[in-house]
Amino acid sequence: MQATIQKWGNSQGIRIPKAFLEALGMAENDLAELSRVNDHIVIKKVKKESKLALEQIYAERLIR
């Protein structure tokens, strides 16, 4: 698949097709991490941290 880098305001961007994102388990407004590996751009979905209830945190500390 090829995409064109386009100007968006003062930045540049690439549009990623919805079907491509869905195949990767990503969706609009997901947080993504960008990194450069040699001459490649790597885009990874940032895993959402689960928010534990105070009771869950306390229970986990008791188990340790």
N, C-alpha and C. Protein backbone atom coordinates (compact mmCIF):
# COMPACT_ATOMS: atom_id res chain seq x y z
N MET A 1 0.84 -1.16 0.00
CA MET A 1 0.00 0.00 0.00
C MET A 1 0.89 1.23 0.00
N GLN A 2 0.50 2.24 -0.72
CA GLN A 2 1.24 3.49 -0.76
C GLN A 2 0.35 4.62 -0.30
N ALA A 3 0.96 5.65 0.27
CA ALA A 3 0.23 6.83 0.71
C ALA A 3 1.08 8.05 0.39
N THR A 4 0.43 9.19 0.25
CA THR A 4 1.11 10.43 -0.05
C THR A 4 1.18 11.30 1.20
N ILE A 5 2.35 11.83 1.48
CA ILE A 5 2.50 12.75 2.61
C ILE A 5 1.92 14.08 2.16
N GLN A 6 0.97 14.62 2.96
CA GLN A 6 0.29 15.85 2.60
C GLN A 6 0.43 16.88 3.71
N LYS A 7 0.36 18.14 3.33
CA LYS A 7 0.43 19.23 4.30
C LYS A 7 -0.90 19.35 5.04
N TRP A 8 -0.84 19.42 6.36
CA TRP A 8 -2.01 19.65 7.21
C TRP A 8 -1.64 20.77 8.16
N GLY A 9 -2.07 21.99 7.87
CA GLY A 9 -1.68 23.13 8.70
C GLY A 9 -0.19 23.32 8.61
N ASN A 10 0.49 23.38 9.76
CA ASN A 10 1.94 23.54 9.78
C ASN A 10 2.67 22.20 9.83
N SER A 11 1.94 21.11 9.69
CA SER A 11 2.53 19.77 9.77
C SER A 11 2.29 19.03 8.47
N GLN A 12 2.77 17.80 8.42
CA GLN A 12 2.49 16.90 7.30
C GLN A 12 1.88 15.63 7.89
N GLY A 13 1.08 14.94 7.09
CA GLY A 13 0.46 13.73 7.59
C GLY A 13 0.18 12.73 6.49
N ILE A 14 -0.12 11.53 6.91
CA ILE A 14 -0.50 10.44 6.01
C ILE A 14 -1.85 9.93 6.48
N ARG A 15 -2.78 9.78 5.58
CA ARG A 15 -4.09 9.20 5.92
C ARG A 15 -3.95 7.68 5.90
N ILE A 16 -4.46 7.06 6.95
CA ILE A 16 -4.41 5.60 7.04
C ILE A 16 -5.83 5.08 6.84
N PRO A 17 -6.06 4.21 5.87
CA PRO A 17 -7.41 3.71 5.61
C PRO A 17 -8.00 3.00 6.83
N LYS A 18 -9.31 3.19 7.03
CA LYS A 18 -10.02 2.62 8.16
C LYS A 18 -9.85 1.10 8.22
N ALA A 19 -9.97 0.44 7.09
CA ALA A 19 -9.84 -1.03 7.06
C ALA A 19 -8.46 -1.48 7.53
N PHE A 20 -7.44 -0.70 7.21
CA PHE A 20 -6.07 -1.01 7.62
C PHE A 20 -5.97 -0.90 9.14
N LEU A 21 -6.52 0.17 9.71
CA LEU A 21 -6.50 0.36 11.16
C LEU A 21 -7.29 -0.73 11.88
N GLU A 22 -8.46 -1.05 11.35
CA GLU A 22 -9.29 -2.09 11.97
C GLU A 22 -8.56 -3.43 12.00
N ALA A 23 -7.82 -3.73 10.94
CA ALA A 23 -7.08 -4.99 10.89
C ALA A 23 -6.00 -5.03 11.98
N LEU A 24 -5.54 -3.85 12.41
CA LEU A 24 -4.53 -3.75 13.46
C LEU A 24 -5.13 -3.53 14.84
N GLY A 25 -6.46 -3.47 14.91
CA GLY A 25 -7.12 -3.24 16.20
C GLY A 25 -7.02 -1.80 16.65
N MET A 26 -6.90 -0.88 15.71
CA MET A 26 -6.81 0.54 16.05
C MET A 26 -8.02 1.26 15.52
N ALA A 27 -8.33 2.41 16.14
CA ALA A 27 -9.49 3.20 15.72
C ALA A 27 -9.20 4.68 15.92
N GLU A 28 -10.10 5.50 15.41
CA GLU A 28 -9.98 6.95 15.56
C GLU A 28 -9.83 7.32 17.03
N ASN A 29 -8.97 8.26 17.30
CA ASN A 29 -8.68 8.78 18.65
C ASN A 29 -7.86 7.85 19.53
N ASP A 30 -7.43 6.69 19.02
CA ASP A 30 -6.51 5.86 19.80
C ASP A 30 -5.18 6.59 19.90
N LEU A 31 -4.50 6.40 21.00
CA LEU A 31 -3.18 6.99 21.18
C LEU A 31 -2.16 6.07 20.50
N ALA A 32 -1.26 6.67 19.72
CA ALA A 32 -0.25 5.90 19.00
C ALA A 32 1.14 6.40 19.37
N GLU A 33 2.09 5.49 19.39
CA GLU A 33 3.48 5.83 19.66
C GLU A 33 4.24 5.76 18.34
N LEU A 34 4.96 6.81 18.02
CA LEU A 34 5.76 6.87 16.80
C LEU A 34 7.23 6.72 17.17
N SER A 35 7.93 5.93 16.39
CA SER A 35 9.38 5.80 16.60
C SER A 35 10.07 5.64 15.26
N ARG A 36 11.34 5.97 15.26
CA ARG A 36 12.13 5.83 14.05
C ARG A 36 13.12 4.70 14.26
N VAL A 37 13.08 3.74 13.36
CA VAL A 37 14.02 2.61 13.40
C VAL A 37 14.76 2.62 12.06
N ASN A 38 16.02 3.00 12.14
CA ASN A 38 16.83 3.19 10.93
C ASN A 38 16.10 4.15 10.00
N ASP A 39 15.70 3.71 8.83
CA ASP A 39 15.01 4.61 7.89
C ASP A 39 13.51 4.28 7.80
N HIS A 40 12.95 3.74 8.90
CA HIS A 40 11.53 3.38 8.93
C HIS A 40 10.80 4.16 10.02
N ILE A 41 9.53 4.42 9.80
CA ILE A 41 8.67 4.98 10.83
C ILE A 41 7.81 3.84 11.35
N VAL A 42 7.82 3.63 12.65
CA VAL A 42 7.03 2.57 13.27
C VAL A 42 5.92 3.22 14.09
N ILE A 43 4.70 2.77 13.87
CA ILE A 43 3.53 3.29 14.59
C ILE A 43 2.95 2.15 15.40
N LYS A 44 2.84 2.35 16.73
CA LYS A 44 2.30 1.31 17.61
C LYS A 44 1.16 1.88 18.42
N LYS A 45 0.13 1.07 18.61
CA LYS A 45 -0.98 1.47 19.46
C LYS A 45 -0.51 1.46 20.91
N VAL A 46 -0.84 2.51 21.64
CA VAL A 46 -0.50 2.57 23.05
C VAL A 46 -1.59 1.83 23.81
N LYS A 47 -1.17 0.85 24.60
CA LYS A 47 -2.14 0.08 25.37
C LYS A 47 -2.69 0.93 26.49
N LYS A 48 -4.00 0.88 26.64
CA LYS A 48 -4.65 1.64 27.70
C LYS A 48 -4.38 0.97 29.03
N GLU A 49 -4.00 1.79 30.01
CA GLU A 49 -3.78 1.26 31.35
C GLU A 49 -5.14 1.10 32.01
N SER A 50 -5.34 -0.04 32.61
CA SER A 50 -6.61 -0.24 33.30
C SER A 50 -6.55 0.50 34.62
N LYS A 51 -7.63 1.16 34.94
CA LYS A 51 -7.70 1.89 36.19
C LYS A 51 -8.26 0.95 37.25
N LEU A 52 -7.46 0.67 38.24
CA LEU A 52 -7.87 -0.24 39.29
C LEU A 52 -8.62 0.52 40.38
N ALA A 53 -9.62 -0.12 40.89
CA ALA A 53 -10.34 0.45 42.02
C ALA A 53 -9.45 0.38 43.25
N LEU A 54 -9.67 1.26 44.20
CA LEU A 54 -8.87 1.29 45.41
C LEU A 54 -8.87 -0.07 46.10
N GLU A 55 -9.99 -0.76 46.07
CA GLU A 55 -10.10 -2.08 46.70
C GLU A 55 -9.18 -3.08 46.00
N GLN A 56 -9.08 -2.99 44.67
CA GLN A 56 -8.23 -3.91 43.92
C GLN A 56 -6.75 -3.67 44.24
N ILE A 57 -6.36 -2.42 44.33
CA ILE A 57 -4.97 -2.09 44.66
C ILE A 57 -4.64 -2.61 46.05
N TYR A 58 -5.52 -2.39 47.00
CA TYR A 58 -5.31 -2.83 48.37
C TYR A 58 -5.23 -4.35 48.44
N ALA A 59 -6.12 -5.05 47.71
CA ALA A 59 -6.13 -6.51 47.70
C ALA A 59 -4.83 -7.05 47.12
N GLU A 60 -4.32 -6.44 46.07
CA GLU A 60 -3.07 -6.88 45.45
C GLU A 60 -1.89 -6.74 46.42
N ARG A 61 -1.90 -5.68 47.20
CA ARG A 61 -0.82 -5.47 48.17
C ARG A 61 -0.88 -6.48 49.30
N LEU A 62 -2.08 -6.92 49.66
CA LEU A 62 -2.22 -7.90 50.71
C LEU A 62 -1.69 -9.26 50.27
N ILE A 63 -1.85 -9.57 48.99
CA ILE A 63 -1.42 -10.85 48.45
C ILE A 63 0.10 -10.96 48.44
N ARG A 64 0.80 -9.86 48.22
CA ARG A 64 2.26 -9.87 48.13
C ARG A 64 2.91 -10.14 49.41
